[in-house]
C-alpha atoms as a PDB file:
ATOM      1  CA  MET A   1      -4.920 -14.117 -12.643  1.00  0.00           C
ATOM      2  CA  ALA A   2      -4.997 -10.703 -14.306  1.00  0.00           C
ATOM      3  CA  ALA A   3      -4.943  -7.367 -12.535  1.00  0.00           C
ATOM      4  CA  GLN A   4      -8.278  -6.015 -11.317  1.00  0.00           C
ATOM      5  CA  THR A   5     -10.097  -4.182 -14.107  1.00  0.00           C
ATOM      6  CA  GLU A   6     -12.853  -2.711 -11.945  1.00  0.00           C
ATOM      7  CA  ILE A   7     -12.370   0.146  -9.474  1.00  0.00           C
ATOM      8  CA  VAL A   8     -10.392  -1.384  -6.617  1.00  0.00           C
ATOM      9  CA  ASN A   9     -12.074  -1.807  -3.238  1.00  0.00           C
ATOM     10  CA  ALA A  10     -10.007  -0.026  -0.563  1.00  0.00           C
ATOM     11  CA  THR A  11     -10.045  -3.126   1.645  1.00  0.00           C
ATOM     12  CA  ASP A  12      -7.980  -4.903  -1.036  1.00  0.00           C
ATOM     13  CA  VAL A  13      -5.002  -2.523  -0.607  1.00  0.00           C
ATOM     14  CA  ILE A  14      -2.940  -2.350   2.596  1.00  0.00           C
ATOM     15  CA  LEU A  15       0.288  -0.830   3.819  1.00  0.00           C
ATOM     16  CA  GLU A  16       2.842  -3.372   5.052  1.00  0.00           C
ATOM     17  CA  VAL A  17       6.272  -2.941   6.619  1.00  0.00           C
ATOM     18  CA  SER A  18       9.390  -5.088   6.730  1.00  0.00           C
ATOM     19  CA  THR A  19      12.240  -4.611   9.171  1.00  0.00           C
ATOM     20  CA  ASP A  20      14.261  -7.507   7.707  1.00  0.00           C
ATOM     21  CA  ALA A  21      15.006  -6.144   4.202  1.00  0.00           C
ATOM     22  CA  GLY A  22      11.831  -7.579   2.673  1.00  0.00           C
ATOM     23  CA  SER A  23      12.084 -11.206   3.826  1.00  0.00           C
ATOM     24  CA  SER A  24       8.792 -10.927   5.719  1.00  0.00           C
ATOM     25  CA  TRP A  25       6.000  -8.360   5.569  1.00  0.00           C
ATOM     26  CA  ASP A  26       3.522  -7.371   8.292  1.00  0.00           C
ATOM     27  CA  PRO A  27       0.422  -5.220   7.866  1.00  0.00           C
ATOM     28  CA  VAL A  28       0.084  -2.258  10.199  1.00  0.00           C
ATOM     29  CA  VAL A  29      -2.620  -3.034  12.762  1.00  0.00           C
ATOM     30  CA  HIS A  30      -6.054  -1.368  12.521  1.00  0.00           C
ATOM     31  CA  ALA A  31      -5.048   0.774   9.531  1.00  0.00           C
ATOM     32  CA  LYS A  32      -7.988   2.599   7.962  1.00  0.00           C
ATOM     33  CA  THR A  33      -6.147   4.741   5.434  1.00  0.00           C
ATOM     34  CA  ALA A  34      -3.054   4.227   3.309  1.00  0.00           C
ATOM     35  CA  LYS A  35      -1.655   6.551   0.656  1.00  0.00           C
ATOM     36  CA  VAL A  36       1.372   6.872  -1.633  1.00  0.00           C
ATOM     37  CA  SER A  37       2.333  10.317  -2.959  1.00  0.00           C
ATOM     38  CA  VAL A  38       4.993  10.946  -5.605  1.00  0.00           C
ATOM     39  CA  SER A  39       6.283  14.371  -6.668  1.00  0.00           C
ATOM     40  CA  HIS A  40       8.662  15.699  -9.246  1.00  0.00           C
ATOM     41  CA  SER A  41      10.503  19.031  -9.116  1.00  0.00           C
ATOM     42  CA  PRO A  42      11.637  19.895 -12.627  1.00  0.00           C
ATOM     43  CA  ARG A  43      14.775  21.985 -13.087  1.00  0.00           C
ATOM     44  CA  ASP A  44      14.586  25.376 -14.754  1.00  0.00           C
ATOM     45  CA  VAL A  45      16.983  25.294 -17.725  1.00  0.00           C
ATOM     46  CA  SER A  46      15.888  28.583 -19.284  1.00  0.00           C
ATOM     47  CA  THR A  47      18.559  30.672 -20.978  1.00  0.00           C
ATOM     48  CA  LYS A  48      18.690  33.966 -22.788  1.00  0.00           C
ATOM     49  CA  THR A  49      17.888  32.118 -26.008  1.00  0.00           C
ATOM     50  CA  THR A  50      14.673  30.479 -24.717  1.00  0.00           C
ATOM     51  CA  GLY A  51      12.839  33.795 -24.793  1.00  0.00           C
ATOM     52  CA  SER A  52      10.126  34.703 -22.319  1.00  0.00           C
ATOM     53  CA  TRP A  53       9.007  31.113 -21.796  1.00  0.00           C
ATOM     54  CA  ARG A  54      10.442  28.938 -19.099  1.00  0.00           C
ATOM     55  CA  LYS A  55      12.152  25.752 -20.254  1.00  0.00           C
ATOM     56  CA  ILE A  56      12.317  22.813 -17.863  1.00  0.00           C
ATOM     57  CA  ALA A  57      14.063  19.446 -17.681  1.00  0.00           C
ATOM     58  CA  ALA A  58      13.674  16.408 -15.467  1.00  0.00           C
ATOM     59  CA  GLY A  59      14.707  17.004 -11.868  1.00  0.00           C
ATOM     60  CA  LYS A  60      14.450  15.399  -8.449  1.00  0.00           C
ATOM     61  CA  LYS A  61      11.652  13.015  -7.587  1.00  0.00           C
ATOM     62  CA  SER A  62      10.457  12.273  -4.073  1.00  0.00           C
ATOM     63  CA  TRP A  63       7.792  10.123  -2.506  1.00  0.00           C
ATOM     64  CA  ASN A  64       6.109   9.307   0.778  1.00  0.00           C
ATOM     65  CA  MET A  65       3.504   7.002   2.230  1.00  0.00           C
ATOM     66  CA  SER A  66       1.021   7.832   4.942  1.00  0.00           C
ATOM     67  CA  LEU A  67      -1.313   5.734   7.021  1.00  0.00           C
ATOM     68  CA  GLY A  68      -3.740   6.149   9.846  1.00  0.00           C
ATOM     69  CA  GLY A  69      -6.051   4.034  11.921  1.00  0.00           C
ATOM     70  CA  GLY A  70      -7.234   2.932  15.324  1.00  0.00           C
ATOM     71  CA  PHE A  71      -4.558   3.041  18.025  1.00  0.00           C
ATOM     72  CA  THR A  72      -3.529  -0.031  20.022  1.00  0.00           C
ATOM     73  CA  TYR A  73      -0.479  -0.657  22.192  1.00  0.00           C
ATOM     74  CA  ASP A  74       0.028  -4.251  21.032  1.00  0.00           C
ATOM     75  CA  GLY A  75      -0.687  -5.368  17.494  1.00  0.00           C
ATOM     76  CA  GLY A  76      -0.049  -9.056  18.139  1.00  0.00           C
ATOM     77  CA  SER A  77       1.323 -10.496  14.891  1.00  0.00           C
ATOM     78  CA  GLU A  78       0.885  -7.182  13.045  1.00  0.00           C
ATOM     79  CA  GLU A  79       3.022  -4.048  13.343  1.00  0.00           C
ATOM     80  CA  ASP A  80       1.553  -1.620  15.849  1.00  0.00           C
ATOM     81  CA  PRO A  81       2.079   2.132  16.300  1.00  0.00           C
ATOM     82  CA  VAL A  82       4.288   1.610  19.377  1.00  0.00           C
ATOM     83  CA  SER A  83       6.745  -0.619  17.466  1.00  0.00           C
ATOM     84  CA  LEU A  84       6.791   1.933  14.627  1.00  0.00           C
ATOM     85  CA  PHE A  85       7.519   4.675  17.169  1.00  0.00           C
ATOM     86  CA  ALA A  86      10.555   2.630  18.292  1.00  0.00           C
ATOM     87  CA  LEU A  87      11.805   2.698  14.669  1.00  0.00           C
ATOM     88  CA  LEU A  88      11.354   6.485  14.612  1.00  0.00           C
ATOM     89  CA  SER A  89      13.205   6.920  17.904  1.00  0.00           C
ATOM     90  CA  ALA A  90      16.121   4.814  16.693  1.00  0.00           C
ATOM     91  CA  GLY A  91      16.211   6.484  13.259  1.00  0.00           C
ATOM     92  CA  THR A  92      15.855   3.057  11.646  1.00  0.00           C
ATOM     93  CA  GLU A  93      15.306   2.788   7.908  1.00  0.00           C
ATOM     94  CA  PHE A  94      12.933  -0.016   6.906  1.00  0.00           C
ATOM     95  CA  GLN A  95      10.900  -1.189   3.905  1.00  0.00           C
ATOM     96  CA  ALA A  96       7.265  -0.240   3.286  1.00  0.00           C
ATOM     97  CA  ARG A  97       4.888  -1.261   0.540  1.00  0.00           C
ATOM     98  CA  LEU A  98       1.386  -0.450  -0.528  1.00  0.00           C
ATOM     99  CA  SER A  99       0.167  -3.841  -1.655  1.00  0.00           C
ATOM    100  CA  SER A 100      -2.706  -5.800  -3.043  1.00  0.00           C
ATOM    101  CA  ALA A 101      -3.289  -9.529  -2.652  1.00  0.00           C
ATOM    102  CA  THR A 102      -4.596  -9.815  -6.222  1.00  0.00           C
ATOM    103  CA  THR A 103      -2.216 -11.439  -8.720  1.00  0.00           C
ATOM    104  CA  GLY A 104      -1.435  -9.033 -11.552  1.00  0.00           C
ATOM    105  CA  ASP A 105      -2.006  -5.893  -9.464  1.00  0.00           C
ATOM    106  CA  THR A 106       0.862  -3.524  -8.652  1.00  0.00           C
ATOM    107  CA  ASN A 107       2.774  -3.138  -5.368  1.00  0.00           C
ATOM    108  CA  PHE A 108       4.688   0.060  -4.587  1.00  0.00           C
ATOM    109  CA  THR A 109       7.750  -0.652  -2.418  1.00  0.00           C
ATOM    110  CA  GLY A 110      10.712   1.313  -1.053  1.00  0.00           C
ATOM    111  CA  LYS A 111      12.941   2.211   1.870  1.00  0.00           C
ATOM    112  CA  VAL A 112      11.497   4.694   4.362  1.00  0.00           C
ATOM    113  CA  LEU A 113      12.142   6.638   7.531  1.00  0.00           C
ATOM    114  CA  ILE A 114       9.282   7.844   9.701  1.00  0.00           C
ATOM    115  CA  GLY A 115       8.859  11.585   9.153  1.00  0.00           C
ATOM    116  CA  SER A 116       5.974  12.189  11.538  1.00  0.00           C
ATOM    117  CA  PHE A 117       4.035  10.246  14.146  1.00  0.00           C
ATOM    118  CA  GLU A 118       0.769  11.392  15.747  1.00  0.00           C
ATOM    119  CA  ILE A 119      -1.561   9.926  18.331  1.00  0.00           C
ATOM    120  CA  ASP A 120      -4.929  11.655  18.619  1.00  0.00           C
ATOM    121  CA  SER A 121      -7.149  11.219  21.674  1.00  0.00           C
ATOM    122  CA  PRO A 122     -10.125  13.492  20.997  1.00  0.00           C
ATOM    123  CA  GLU A 123     -13.005  13.567  23.486  1.00  0.00           C
ATOM    124  CA  GLU A 124     -14.414  10.795  25.632  1.00  0.00           C
ATOM    125  CA  GLU A 125     -16.285   7.876  24.067  1.00  0.00           C
ATOM    126  CA  THR A 126     -14.351   8.131  20.802  1.00  0.00           C
ATOM    127  CA  ASN A 127     -11.526   5.997  19.495  1.00  0.00           C
ATOM    128  CA  VAL A 128      -7.886   6.974  19.857  1.00  0.00           C
ATOM    129  CA  SER A 129      -6.248   7.119  16.435  1.00  0.00           C
ATOM    130  CA  TYR A 130      -2.784   7.355  14.929  1.00  0.00           C
ATOM    131  CA  ALA A 131      -1.320   8.959  11.800  1.00  0.00           C
ATOM    132  CA  ILE A 132       2.152   8.167  10.479  1.00  0.00           C
ATOM    133  CA  GLN A 133       4.049   9.745   7.566  1.00  0.00           C
ATOM    134  CA  LEU A 134       6.765   7.603   5.960  1.00  0.00           C
ATOM    135  CA  GLU A 135       9.366   9.522   3.937  1.00  0.00           C
ATOM    136  CA  GLY A 136      10.810   7.641   0.965  1.00  0.00           C
ATOM    137  CA  SER A 137      14.550   7.177   0.606  1.00  0.00           C
ATOM    138  CA  GLU A 138      15.857   6.461  -2.884  1.00  0.00           C
ATOM    139  CA  THR A 139      13.660   4.743  -5.499  1.00  0.00           C
ATOM    140  CA  LEU A 140       9.990   3.824  -5.182  1.00  0.00           C
ATOM    141  CA  ALA A 141       9.646   0.560  -7.116  1.00  0.00           C
ATOM    142  CA  ALA A 142       6.482  -0.684  -8.785  1.00  0.00           C
ATOM    143  CA  SER A 143       6.221  -4.456  -9.191  1.00  0.00           C
ATOM    144  CA  THR A 144       3.533  -6.897 -10.288  1.00  0.00           C
ATOM    145  CA  VAL A 145       1.934  -9.091  -7.644  1.00  0.00           C
ATOM    146  CA  SER A 146       2.649 -12.723  -8.522  1.00  0.00           C
END
């Protein structure tokens, strides 16, 4: 099957984690949002001979993933915020991927550490939510779903 050619429905893309080097993947329970951000910080290589214009060259790249959703203490067969907090507390690096189940689409996968972890309990009669920032370590790989 070919990659989706229409605008992708957000329910088709989820954030999954693996604590066993990618042998098995579990979605994060009750996730409502998932995002990958990539940045590049070019180096300034201007010299006296480049004149008044800045000259740049390729520099460091970095990336992160973030997710948020409804909070639960036990995710059953899915990863829950409490188990992810245990990874943060232990300083454990693990794998994360933003994935699609559609053959031909692209997954974004890499090693991460949890950079921030929030639980929000607003006012009564509203849902408790969580927000987690995953900081990328080394390369973010893009691969085709097969």
